Amino acid sequence: MATLKDVQNKISAVKKTKQITKAMNMVAASKLRGAQSTMEAFRPYAGKFADVLGSLADKAGEEANPLLVPKETVKNVHIILNTSDKGLCGGFNTNLNARADALLKELKAEGKEVSFTNFGKKGRDWARKKGHTIIDEYLGVVGSSFEFSVASISGRKFIEKFIFGTYDEVYVIYSEFQGMARQVAKAKQLLPIPPLETAEETKDDNAPYLAEHIAEPSAEELLGEMLPRSVYVQIYSALLETSTSEHAARMTAMDNATKACNDMIENLTLVYNKARQAAITAELMDIVGGAEALKG
């Protein structure tokens, strides 16, 4: 049975751990508010941007830009994997890496070569451990405040390599924020840009009226300017979603850890009280035994 000193040391250690988890929970909550507000402010822009692109694609035709045209044969596929730089956020990174692994196996089964660009240390470390080809890495982005330029600089590289034939397809894996208790790992095709939803396809008698976009200069020229920016928007949106999801996952994980510490302190306190009571009883028995011996 553990001594009183051992139990006291354990209780003290758990209390210190509880202070750390509670502080991390508060930090994650603070960062979450900022990341969530940025993400929610960007979502309407991304949605409207897709509407305008669909309208322009309807006018220009989907053969108007090489970013819209699938390659005849797909051999080289590139995956952009978004994860966090730090741990202690539950199964957040594990789910993202598992989604990447599932997509990788699917592509490998089709005889395709796969390479990675990693946003975040956890995804980078996973890819290294598995022996996958890593082309580029961006650390210190996810989970921090970052500018749109991060997405545009990296996006230009993907577009150039797609146009010149280095990559035949590009996918992005990210965590979609659906709520405090739900973050879903998703994979989305980035290049070639999937068929855009046009006004004709979304036509519905009960749907709200969609204004027709007048193109000046021509729809083809505007499409050539906007399609690359669409790639940047998708990357930036994925980074925002992943950052928000990371803070939410860490906040939940630290809250659960704090509750677990409370349970451990409660159980250890019971053990301590039992050990103390046993020690007191043993001392009383020694005293009583000594008194009886003196009487004899």
C-alpha atoms as a PDB file:
ATOM      1  CA  MET A   1       0.000   0.000   0.000  1.00  0.00           C
ATOM      2  CA  ALA A   2       1.292   3.475  -0.906  1.00  0.00           C
ATOM      3  CA  THR A   3       2.572   5.610   1.926  1.00  0.00           C
ATOM      4  CA  LEU A   4       0.964   8.928   2.861  1.00  0.00           C
ATOM      5  CA  LYS A   5       3.934  10.799   1.384  1.00  0.00           C
ATOM      6  CA  ASP A   6       3.628   8.974  -1.963  1.00  0.00           C
ATOM      7  CA  VAL A   7      -0.086   9.764  -2.238  1.00  0.00           C
ATOM      8  CA  GLN A   8       0.523  13.411  -1.303  1.00  0.00           C
ATOM      9  CA  ASN A   9       3.160  13.672  -4.051  1.00  0.00           C
ATOM     10  CA  LYS A  10       0.757  12.191  -6.601  1.00  0.00           C
ATOM     11  CA  ILE A  11      -2.007  14.602  -5.613  1.00  0.00           C
ATOM     12  CA  SER A  12       0.416  17.532  -5.904  1.00  0.00           C
ATOM     13  CA  ALA A  13       1.573  16.371  -9.367  1.00  0.00           C
ATOM     14  CA  VAL A  14      -1.996  15.978 -10.642  1.00  0.00           C
ATOM     15  CA  LYS A  15      -2.922  19.446  -9.347  1.00  0.00           C
ATOM     16  CA  LYS A  16      -0.003  20.973 -11.255  1.00  0.00           C
ATOM     17  CA  THR A  17      -1.076  19.103 -14.395  1.00  0.00           C
ATOM     18  CA  LYS A  18      -4.592  20.425 -13.913  1.00  0.00           C
ATOM     19  CA  GLN A  19      -3.257  23.999 -13.782  1.00  0.00           C
ATOM     20  CA  ILE A  20      -1.464  23.440 -17.115  1.00  0.00           C
ATOM     21  CA  THR A  21      -4.478  21.872 -18.869  1.00  0.00           C
ATOM     22  CA  LYS A  22      -6.787  24.613 -17.592  1.00  0.00           C
ATOM     23  CA  ALA A  23      -4.405  27.317 -18.827  1.00  0.00           C
ATOM     24  CA  MET A  24      -4.103  25.630 -22.238  1.00  0.00           C
ATOM     25  CA  ASN A  25      -7.885  25.401 -22.434  1.00  0.00           C
ATOM     26  CA  MET A  26      -8.190  29.146 -21.835  1.00  0.00           C
ATOM     27  CA  VAL A  27      -5.489  29.953 -24.416  1.00  0.00           C
ATOM     28  CA  ALA A  28      -7.181  27.719 -27.010  1.00  0.00           C
ATOM     29  CA  ALA A  29     -10.553  29.366 -26.290  1.00  0.00           C
ATOM     30  CA  SER A  30      -9.036  32.808 -26.802  1.00  0.00           C
ATOM     31  CA  LYS A  31      -7.389  31.826 -30.104  1.00  0.00           C
ATOM     32  CA  LEU A  32     -10.539  30.047 -31.240  1.00  0.00           C
ATOM     33  CA  ARG A  33     -12.622  33.226 -31.060  1.00  0.00           C
ATOM     34  CA  GLY A  34     -10.267  35.070 -33.406  1.00  0.00           C
ATOM     35  CA  ALA A  35      -9.820  32.164 -35.834  1.00  0.00           C
ATOM     36  CA  GLN A  36     -13.545  31.423 -35.963  1.00  0.00           C
ATOM     37  CA  SER A  37     -14.503  35.036 -36.670  1.00  0.00           C
ATOM     38  CA  THR A  38     -11.950  35.210 -39.524  1.00  0.00           C
ATOM     39  CA  MET A  39     -13.170  31.908 -40.973  1.00  0.00           C
ATOM     40  CA  GLU A  40     -16.854  32.874 -40.788  1.00  0.00           C
ATOM     41  CA  ALA A  41     -16.123  36.252 -42.383  1.00  0.00           C
ATOM     42  CA  PHE A  42     -14.305  34.551 -45.284  1.00  0.00           C
ATOM     43  CA  ARG A  43     -16.929  31.873 -46.032  1.00  0.00           C
ATOM     44  CA  PRO A  44     -19.428  34.233 -47.760  1.00  0.00           C
ATOM     45  CA  TYR A  45     -16.620  35.645 -49.937  1.00  0.00           C
ATOM     46  CA  ALA A  46     -15.556  32.143 -51.005  1.00  0.00           C
ATOM     47  CA  GLY A  47     -19.178  31.234 -51.786  1.00  0.00           C
ATOM     48  CA  LYS A  48     -19.837  34.354 -53.858  1.00  0.00           C
ATOM     49  CA  PHE A  49     -16.506  33.913 -55.645  1.00  0.00           C
ATOM     50  CA  ALA A  50     -17.608  30.416 -56.724  1.00  0.00           C
ATOM     51  CA  ASP A  51     -20.953  31.830 -57.979  1.00  0.00           C
ATOM     52  CA  VAL A  52     -19.205  34.419 -60.150  1.00  0.00           C
ATOM     53  CA  LEU A  53     -16.815  31.792 -61.524  1.00  0.00           C
ATOM     54  CA  GLY A  54     -19.744  29.539 -62.401  1.00  0.00           C
ATOM     55  CA  SER A  55     -21.417  32.380 -64.294  1.00  0.00           C
ATOM     56  CA  LEU A  56     -18.218  33.186 -66.231  1.00  0.00           C
ATOM     57  CA  ALA A  57     -17.587  29.506 -67.018  1.00  0.00           C
ATOM     58  CA  ASP A  58     -21.117  29.308 -68.386  1.00  0.00           C
ATOM     59  CA  LYS A  59     -20.305  32.158 -70.791  1.00  0.00           C
ATOM     60  CA  ALA A  60     -16.761  31.143 -71.764  1.00  0.00           C
ATOM     61  CA  GLY A  61     -17.055  27.362 -71.790  1.00  0.00           C
ATOM     62  CA  GLU A  62     -15.019  24.958 -69.687  1.00  0.00           C
ATOM     63  CA  GLU A  63     -12.311  24.566 -72.369  1.00  0.00           C
ATOM     64  CA  ALA A  64     -11.399  28.260 -72.067  1.00  0.00           C
ATOM     65  CA  ASN A  65      -8.628  27.722 -69.492  1.00  0.00           C
ATOM     66  CA  PRO A  66      -6.036  24.943 -68.957  1.00  0.00           C
ATOM     67  CA  LEU A  67      -6.798  24.891 -65.215  1.00  0.00           C
ATOM     68  CA  LEU A  68     -10.234  23.490 -66.045  1.00  0.00           C
ATOM     69  CA  VAL A  69      -9.074  20.758 -68.428  1.00  0.00           C
ATOM     70  CA  PRO A  70      -8.253  17.319 -66.924  1.00  0.00           C
ATOM     71  CA  LYS A  71      -5.059  15.607 -68.123  1.00  0.00           C
ATOM     72  CA  GLU A  72      -5.502  12.694 -70.495  1.00  0.00           C
ATOM     73  CA  THR A  73      -3.378  10.426 -68.313  1.00  0.00           C
ATOM     74  CA  VAL A  74      -2.895  10.969 -64.610  1.00  0.00           C
ATOM     75  CA  LYS A  75       0.421   9.664 -63.270  1.00  0.00           C
ATOM     76  CA  ASN A  76       1.690  12.234 -60.768  1.00  0.00           C
ATOM     77  CA  VAL A  77      -0.616  13.383 -57.984  1.00  0.00           C
ATOM     78  CA  HIS A  78       0.271  15.977 -55.362  1.00  0.00           C
ATOM     79  CA  ILE A  79      -1.402  16.186 -51.943  1.00  0.00           C
ATOM     80  CA  ILE A  80      -1.459  19.310 -49.759  1.00  0.00           C
ATOM     81  CA  LEU A  81      -1.788  18.037 -46.193  1.00  0.00           C
ATOM     82  CA  ASN A  82      -2.864  20.529 -43.522  1.00  0.00           C
ATOM     83  CA  THR A  83      -2.185  19.601 -39.895  1.00  0.00           C
ATOM     84  CA  SER A  84      -1.140  21.419 -36.735  1.00  0.00           C
ATOM     85  CA  ASP A  85       2.404  22.129 -35.562  1.00  0.00           C
ATOM     86  CA  LYS A  86       1.633  21.112 -31.974  1.00  0.00           C
ATOM     87  CA  GLY A  87      -0.053  18.177 -30.319  1.00  0.00           C
ATOM     88  CA  LEU A  88      -2.366  17.908 -27.294  1.00  0.00           C
ATOM     89  CA  CYS A  89      -5.479  18.288 -29.459  1.00  0.00           C
ATOM     90  CA  GLY A  90      -7.004  14.833 -29.228  1.00  0.00           C
ATOM     91  CA  GLY A  91      -7.369  12.863 -32.451  1.00  0.00           C
ATOM     92  CA  PHE A  92      -7.243  15.973 -34.647  1.00  0.00           C
ATOM     93  CA  ASN A  93      -3.953  15.208 -36.423  1.00  0.00           C
ATOM     94  CA  THR A  94      -4.541  11.458 -36.388  1.00  0.00           C
ATOM     95  CA  ASN A  95      -7.783  11.914 -38.349  1.00  0.00           C
ATOM     96  CA  LEU A  96      -6.097  14.156 -40.943  1.00  0.00           C
ATOM     97  CA  ASN A  97      -3.197  11.755 -41.399  1.00  0.00           C
ATOM     98  CA  ALA A  98      -5.628   8.833 -41.665  1.00  0.00           C
ATOM     99  CA  ARG A  99      -7.558  10.689 -44.394  1.00  0.00           C
ATOM    100  CA  ALA A 100      -4.298  11.303 -46.250  1.00  0.00           C
ATOM    101  CA  ASP A 101      -3.341   7.659 -45.881  1.00  0.00           C
ATOM    102  CA  ALA A 102      -6.710   6.525 -47.260  1.00  0.00           C
ATOM    103  CA  LEU A 103      -6.400   8.817 -50.304  1.00  0.00           C
ATOM    104  CA  LEU A 104      -2.790   7.715 -50.799  1.00  0.00           C
ATOM    105  CA  LYS A 105      -3.720   4.025 -50.858  1.00  0.00           C
ATOM    106  CA  GLU A 106      -6.539   4.747 -53.308  1.00  0.00           C
ATOM    107  CA  LEU A 107      -4.177   6.582 -55.671  1.00  0.00           C
ATOM    108  CA  LYS A 108      -1.390   4.018 -55.306  1.00  0.00           C
ATOM    109  CA  ALA A 109      -3.864   1.254 -56.196  1.00  0.00           C
ATOM    110  CA  GLU A 110      -4.440   3.070 -59.494  1.00  0.00           C
ATOM    111  CA  GLY A 111      -0.692   3.097 -60.183  1.00  0.00           C
ATOM    112  CA  LYS A 112      -0.150   6.807 -59.527  1.00  0.00           C
ATOM    113  CA  GLU A 113       2.907   8.462 -57.990  1.00  0.00           C
ATOM    114  CA  VAL A 114       2.096  10.658 -54.982  1.00  0.00           C
ATOM    115  CA  SER A 115       4.041  13.525 -53.400  1.00  0.00           C
ATOM    116  CA  PHE A 116       3.245  15.874 -50.513  1.00  0.00           C
ATOM    117  CA  THR A 117       3.333  19.511 -49.471  1.00  0.00           C
ATOM    118  CA  ASN A 118       2.872  19.797 -45.716  1.00  0.00           C
ATOM    119  CA  PHE A 119       1.383  22.677 -43.762  1.00  0.00           C
ATOM    120  CA  GLY A 120       2.220  21.739 -40.160  1.00  0.00           C
ATOM    121  CA  LYS A 121       4.832  19.612 -38.376  1.00  0.00           C
ATOM    122  CA  LYS A 122       2.529  16.728 -37.483  1.00  0.00           C
ATOM    123  CA  GLY A 123       1.694  15.955 -41.100  1.00  0.00           C
ATOM    124  CA  ARG A 124       5.343  16.454 -42.095  1.00  0.00           C
ATOM    125  CA  ASP A 125       6.518  14.033 -39.401  1.00  0.00           C
ATOM    126  CA  TRP A 126       3.908  11.464 -40.450  1.00  0.00           C
ATOM    127  CA  ALA A 127       4.942  11.668 -44.114  1.00  0.00           C
ATOM    128  CA  ARG A 128       8.638  11.346 -43.170  1.00  0.00           C
ATOM    129  CA  LYS A 129       7.974   8.335 -40.951  1.00  0.00           C
ATOM    130  CA  LYS A 130       6.058   6.607 -43.747  1.00  0.00           C
ATOM    131  CA  GLY A 131       8.780   7.402 -46.277  1.00  0.00           C
ATOM    132  CA  HIS A 132       6.596   9.507 -48.585  1.00  0.00           C
ATOM    133  CA  THR A 133       8.016  12.097 -50.970  1.00  0.00           C
ATOM    134  CA  ILE A 134       7.856  15.600 -49.476  1.00  0.00           C
ATOM    135  CA  ILE A 135       8.284  18.428 -51.985  1.00  0.00           C
ATOM    136  CA  ASP A 136       7.747  21.397 -49.685  1.00  0.00           C
ATOM    137  CA  GLU A 137       6.755  22.255 -46.129  1.00  0.00           C
ATOM    138  CA  TYR A 138       5.283  25.302 -44.401  1.00  0.00           C
ATOM    139  CA  LEU A 139       5.657  25.357 -40.625  1.00  0.00           C
ATOM    140  CA  GLY A 140       4.200  27.827 -38.143  1.00  0.00           C
ATOM    141  CA  VAL A 141       1.172  28.663 -40.340  1.00  0.00           C
ATOM    142  CA  VAL A 142      -1.738  26.539 -39.109  1.00  0.00           C
ATOM    143  CA  GLY A 143      -2.921  27.670 -35.692  1.00  0.00           C
ATOM    144  CA  SER A 144      -1.396  31.134 -36.001  1.00  0.00           C
ATOM    145  CA  SER A 145      -2.508  34.360 -37.677  1.00  0.00           C
ATOM    146  CA  PHE A 146      -1.451  34.340 -41.337  1.00  0.00           C
ATOM    147  CA  GLU A 147      -2.065  36.465 -44.411  1.00  0.00           C
ATOM    148  CA  PHE A 148      -3.660  35.586 -47.759  1.00  0.00           C
ATOM    149  CA  SER A 149      -0.170  35.821 -49.279  1.00  0.00           C
ATOM    150  CA  VAL A 150       0.688  32.429 -47.727  1.00  0.00           C
ATOM    151  CA  ALA A 151      -1.997  30.829 -49.896  1.00  0.00           C
ATOM    152  CA  SER A 152      -1.160  32.841 -53.021  1.00  0.00           C
ATOM    153  CA  ILE A 153       2.602  32.143 -52.878  1.00  0.00           C
ATOM    154  CA  SER A 154       2.140  28.405 -52.416  1.00  0.00           C
ATOM    155  CA  GLY A 155      -0.780  28.352 -54.886  1.00  0.00           C
ATOM    156  CA  ARG A 156       1.349  29.797 -57.684  1.00  0.00           C
ATOM    157  CA  LYS A 157       3.780  26.896 -57.328  1.00  0.00           C
ATOM    158  CA  PHE A 158       0.984  24.321 -57.641  1.00  0.00           C
ATOM    159  CA  ILE A 159      -0.500  26.077 -60.685  1.00  0.00           C
ATOM    160  CA  GLU A 160       2.865  26.348 -62.456  1.00  0.00           C
ATOM    161  CA  LYS A 161       3.697  22.700 -61.852  1.00  0.00           C
ATOM    162  CA  PHE A 162       0.221  21.651 -63.008  1.00  0.00           C
ATOM    163  CA  ILE A 163       0.457  23.674 -66.235  1.00  0.00           C
ATOM    164  CA  PHE A 164       3.980  22.418 -66.998  1.00  0.00           C
ATOM    165  CA  GLY A 165       2.940  18.813 -66.356  1.00  0.00           C
ATOM    166  CA  THR A 166       4.852  18.110 -63.129  1.00  0.00           C
ATOM    167  CA  TYR A 167       1.531  17.424 -61.389  1.00  0.00           C
ATOM    168  CA  ASP A 168      -1.466  15.910 -63.154  1.00  0.00           C
ATOM    169  CA  GLU A 169      -3.788  16.401 -60.179  1.00  0.00           C
ATOM    170  CA  VAL A 170      -3.581  18.308 -56.894  1.00  0.00           C
ATOM    171  CA  TYR A 171      -5.657  17.551 -53.797  1.00  0.00           C
ATOM    172  CA  VAL A 172      -5.928  19.391 -50.498  1.00  0.00           C
ATOM    173  CA  ILE A 173      -6.670  17.639 -47.193  1.00  0.00           C
ATOM    174  CA  TYR A 174      -8.008  19.815 -44.396  1.00  0.00           C
ATOM    175  CA  SER A 175     -10.280  19.758 -41.354  1.00  0.00           C
ATOM    176  CA  GLU A 176     -13.714  21.279 -41.886  1.00  0.00           C
ATOM    177  CA  PHE A 177     -15.023  23.079 -38.807  1.00  0.00           C
ATOM    178  CA  GLN A 178     -18.622  21.985 -38.197  1.00  0.00           C
ATOM    179  CA  GLY A 179     -18.866  22.901 -34.525  1.00  0.00           C
ATOM    180  CA  MET A 180     -17.055  22.785 -31.217  1.00  0.00           C
ATOM    181  CA  ALA A 181     -17.433  19.019 -30.930  1.00  0.00           C
ATOM    182  CA  ARG A 182     -17.168  18.120 -34.622  1.00  0.00           C
ATOM    183  CA  GLN A 183     -14.253  18.663 -37.014  1.00  0.00           C
ATOM    184  CA  VAL A 184     -14.260  16.482 -40.139  1.00  0.00           C
ATOM    185  CA  ALA A 185     -11.145  15.579 -42.141  1.00  0.00           C
ATOM    186  CA  LYS A 186     -11.893  16.116 -45.831  1.00  0.00           C
ATOM    187  CA  ALA A 187     -10.112  15.754 -49.171  1.00  0.00           C
ATOM    188  CA  LYS A 188     -10.887  18.116 -52.047  1.00  0.00           C
ATOM    189  CA  GLN A 189      -9.593  18.215 -55.617  1.00  0.00           C
ATOM    190  CA  LEU A 190      -7.814  21.498 -56.230  1.00  0.00           C
ATOM    191  CA  LEU A 191      -6.394  21.027 -59.757  1.00  0.00           C
ATOM    192  CA  PRO A 192      -7.715  20.610 -62.339  1.00  0.00           C
ATOM    193  CA  ILE A 193     -10.502  22.773 -60.991  1.00  0.00           C
ATOM    194  CA  PRO A 194     -13.626  20.551 -60.801  1.00  0.00           C
ATOM    195  CA  PRO A 195     -16.524  21.415 -63.152  1.00  0.00           C
ATOM    196  CA  LEU A 196     -17.969  24.718 -61.993  1.00  0.00           C
ATOM    197  CA  GLU A 197     -21.650  24.879 -61.122  1.00  0.00           C
ATOM    198  CA  THR A 198     -23.283  27.060 -63.758  1.00  0.00           C
ATOM    199  CA  ALA A 199     -26.507  29.022 -63.653  1.00  0.00           C
ATOM    200  CA  GLU A 200     -28.229  26.447 -65.895  1.00  0.00           C
ATOM    201  CA  GLU A 201     -27.326  23.572 -63.576  1.00  0.00           C
ATOM    202  CA  THR A 202     -28.634  25.379 -60.515  1.00  0.00           C
ATOM    203  CA  LYS A 203     -31.849  26.478 -62.220  1.00  0.00           C
ATOM    204  CA  ASP A 204     -34.835  25.896 -59.958  1.00  0.00           C
ATOM    205  CA  ASP A 205     -38.330  27.396 -60.045  1.00  0.00           C
ATOM    206  CA  ASN A 206     -38.216  27.995 -56.293  1.00  0.00           C
ATOM    207  CA  ALA A 207     -34.598  29.174 -56.173  1.00  0.00           C
ATOM    208  CA  PRO A 208     -33.860  32.878 -55.613  1.00  0.00           C
ATOM    209  CA  TYR A 209     -32.999  34.974 -58.651  1.00  0.00           C
ATOM    210  CA  LEU A 210     -29.313  35.003 -59.560  1.00  0.00           C
ATOM    211  CA  ALA A 211     -28.108  38.117 -61.328  1.00  0.00           C
ATOM    212  CA  GLU A 212     -26.329  37.602 -64.640  1.00  0.00           C
ATOM    213  CA  HIS A 213     -22.754  38.864 -64.484  1.00  0.00           C
ATOM    214  CA  ILE A 214     -21.766  41.210 -67.309  1.00  0.00           C
ATOM    215  CA  ALA A 215     -18.196  40.428 -68.334  1.00  0.00           C
ATOM    216  CA  GLU A 216     -15.935  43.326 -69.259  1.00  0.00           C
ATOM    217  CA  PRO A 217     -13.445  42.488 -70.723  1.00  0.00           C
ATOM    218  CA  SER A 218     -14.493  39.107 -72.145  1.00  0.00           C
ATOM    219  CA  ALA A 219     -15.503  36.182 -69.958  1.00  0.00           C
ATOM    220  CA  GLU A 220     -12.436  34.239 -71.172  1.00  0.00           C
ATOM    221  CA  GLU A 221     -10.032  36.968 -70.031  1.00  0.00           C
ATOM    222  CA  LEU A 222     -11.732  37.372 -66.666  1.00  0.00           C
ATOM    223  CA  LEU A 223     -11.755  33.612 -66.189  1.00  0.00           C
ATOM    224  CA  GLY A 224      -8.017  33.531 -66.843  1.00  0.00           C
ATOM    225  CA  GLU A 225      -7.510  36.077 -64.042  1.00  0.00           C
ATOM    226  CA  MET A 226      -9.965  34.598 -61.572  1.00  0.00           C
ATOM    227  CA  LEU A 227      -9.258  30.872 -61.832  1.00  0.00           C
ATOM    228  CA  PRO A 228      -5.769  31.129 -60.284  1.00  0.00           C
ATOM    229  CA  ARG A 229      -7.230  33.290 -57.537  1.00  0.00           C
ATOM    230  CA  SER A 230      -9.866  30.606 -57.008  1.00  0.00           C
ATOM    231  CA  VAL A 231      -7.058  28.167 -56.187  1.00  0.00           C
ATOM    232  CA  TYR A 232      -5.612  30.655 -53.684  1.00  0.00           C
ATOM    233  CA  VAL A 233      -9.067  31.102 -52.130  1.00  0.00           C
ATOM    234  CA  GLN A 234      -9.475  27.328 -51.724  1.00  0.00           C
ATOM    235  CA  ILE A 235      -6.058  26.973 -50.059  1.00  0.00           C
ATOM    236  CA  TYR A 236      -6.658  29.955 -47.763  1.00  0.00           C
ATOM    237  CA  SER A 237     -10.105  28.635 -46.831  1.00  0.00           C
ATOM    238  CA  ALA A 238      -8.642  25.190 -46.040  1.00  0.00           C
ATOM    239  CA  LEU A 239      -5.993  26.784 -43.803  1.00  0.00           C
ATOM    240  CA  LEU A 240      -8.612  28.862 -41.961  1.00  0.00           C
ATOM    241  CA  GLU A 241     -10.872  25.830 -41.443  1.00  0.00           C
ATOM    242  CA  THR A 242      -7.961  23.728 -40.184  1.00  0.00           C
ATOM    243  CA  SER A 243      -6.731  26.444 -37.809  1.00  0.00           C
ATOM    244  CA  THR A 244     -10.194  26.910 -36.314  1.00  0.00           C
ATOM    245  CA  SER A 245     -10.652  23.144 -35.994  1.00  0.00           C
ATOM    246  CA  GLU A 246      -7.277  22.790 -34.255  1.00  0.00           C
ATOM    247  CA  HIS A 247      -8.153  25.340 -31.562  1.00  0.00           C
ATOM    248  CA  ALA A 248     -11.576  23.758 -31.031  1.00  0.00           C
ATOM    249  CA  ALA A 249     -10.049  20.268 -30.783  1.00  0.00           C
ATOM    250  CA  ARG A 250      -7.383  21.437 -28.334  1.00  0.00           C
ATOM    251  CA  MET A 251      -9.947  23.281 -26.230  1.00  0.00           C
ATOM    252  CA  THR A 252     -12.097  20.131 -26.016  1.00  0.00           C
ATOM    253  CA  ALA A 253      -9.095  17.894 -25.303  1.00  0.00           C
ATOM    254  CA  MET A 254      -7.815  20.162 -22.512  1.00  0.00           C
ATOM    255  CA  ASP A 255     -11.294  20.427 -21.012  1.00  0.00           C
ATOM    256  CA  ASN A 256     -11.509  16.616 -20.919  1.00  0.00           C
ATOM    257  CA  ALA A 257      -8.003  16.445 -19.427  1.00  0.00           C
ATOM    258  CA  THR A 258      -8.978  18.915 -16.700  1.00  0.00           C
ATOM    259  CA  LYS A 259     -12.036  16.809 -15.843  1.00  0.00           C
ATOM    260  CA  ALA A 260      -9.847  13.699 -15.728  1.00  0.00           C
ATOM    261  CA  CYS A 261      -7.483  15.488 -13.320  1.00  0.00           C
ATOM    262  CA  ASN A 262     -10.421  16.335 -11.058  1.00  0.00           C
ATOM    263  CA  ASP A 263     -11.449  12.663 -11.024  1.00  0.00           C
ATOM    264  CA  MET A 264      -7.898  11.563 -10.236  1.00  0.00           C
ATOM    265  CA  ILE A 265      -7.587  14.086  -7.391  1.00  0.00           C
ATOM    266  CA  GLU A 266     -10.870  12.860  -5.950  1.00  0.00           C
ATOM    267  CA  ASN A 267      -9.777   9.199  -6.122  1.00  0.00           C
ATOM    268  CA  LEU A 268      -6.324   9.934  -4.705  1.00  0.00           C
ATOM    269  CA  THR A 269      -7.879  11.950  -1.877  1.00  0.00           C
ATOM    270  CA  LEU A 270      -9.967   8.902  -0.923  1.00  0.00           C
ATOM    271  CA  VAL A 271      -6.841   6.718  -1.001  1.00  0.00           C
ATOM    272  CA  TYR A 272      -4.999   9.291   1.122  1.00  0.00           C
ATOM    273  CA  ASN A 273      -7.800   9.431   3.702  1.00  0.00           C
ATOM    274  CA  LYS A 274      -7.915   5.632   3.891  1.00  0.00           C
ATOM    275  CA  ALA A 275      -4.154   5.415   4.355  1.00  0.00           C
ATOM    276  CA  ARG A 276      -4.199   8.134   7.024  1.00  0.00           C
ATOM    277  CA  GLN A 277      -7.067   6.418   8.856  1.00  0.00           C
ATOM    278  CA  ALA A 278      -5.185   3.106   8.745  1.00  0.00           C
ATOM    279  CA  ALA A 279      -2.067   4.782  10.166  1.00  0.00           C
ATOM    280  CA  ILE A 280      -4.084   6.401  12.978  1.00  0.00           C
ATOM    281  CA  THR A 281      -5.753   3.084  13.803  1.00  0.00           C
ATOM    282  CA  ALA A 282      -2.376   1.326  13.921  1.00  0.00           C
ATOM    283  CA  GLU A 283      -0.991   3.975  16.301  1.00  0.00           C
ATOM    284  CA  LEU A 284      -4.045   3.692  18.580  1.00  0.00           C
ATOM    285  CA  MET A 285      -3.675  -0.078  18.708  1.00  0.00           C
ATOM    286  CA  ASP A 286      -0.012   0.320  19.667  1.00  0.00           C
ATOM    287  CA  ILE A 287      -0.972   2.738  22.457  1.00  0.00           C
ATOM    288  CA  VAL A 288      -3.756   0.488  23.737  1.00  0.00           C
ATOM    289  CA  GLY A 289      -1.471  -2.567  23.542  1.00  0.00           C
ATOM    290  CA  GLY A 290       1.235  -0.730  25.503  1.00  0.00           C
ATOM    291  CA  ALA A 291      -1.249   0.383  28.153  1.00  0.00           C
ATOM    292  CA  GLU A 292      -2.568  -3.166  28.574  1.00  0.00           C
ATOM    293  CA  ALA A 293       0.986  -4.472  28.894  1.00  0.00           C
ATOM    294  CA  LEU A 294       1.747  -1.971  31.671  1.00  0.00           C
ATOM    295  CA  LYS A 295      -1.394  -3.024  33.540  1.00  0.00           C
ATOM    296  CA  GLY A 296      -0.317  -6.657  33.370  1.00  0.00           C
END
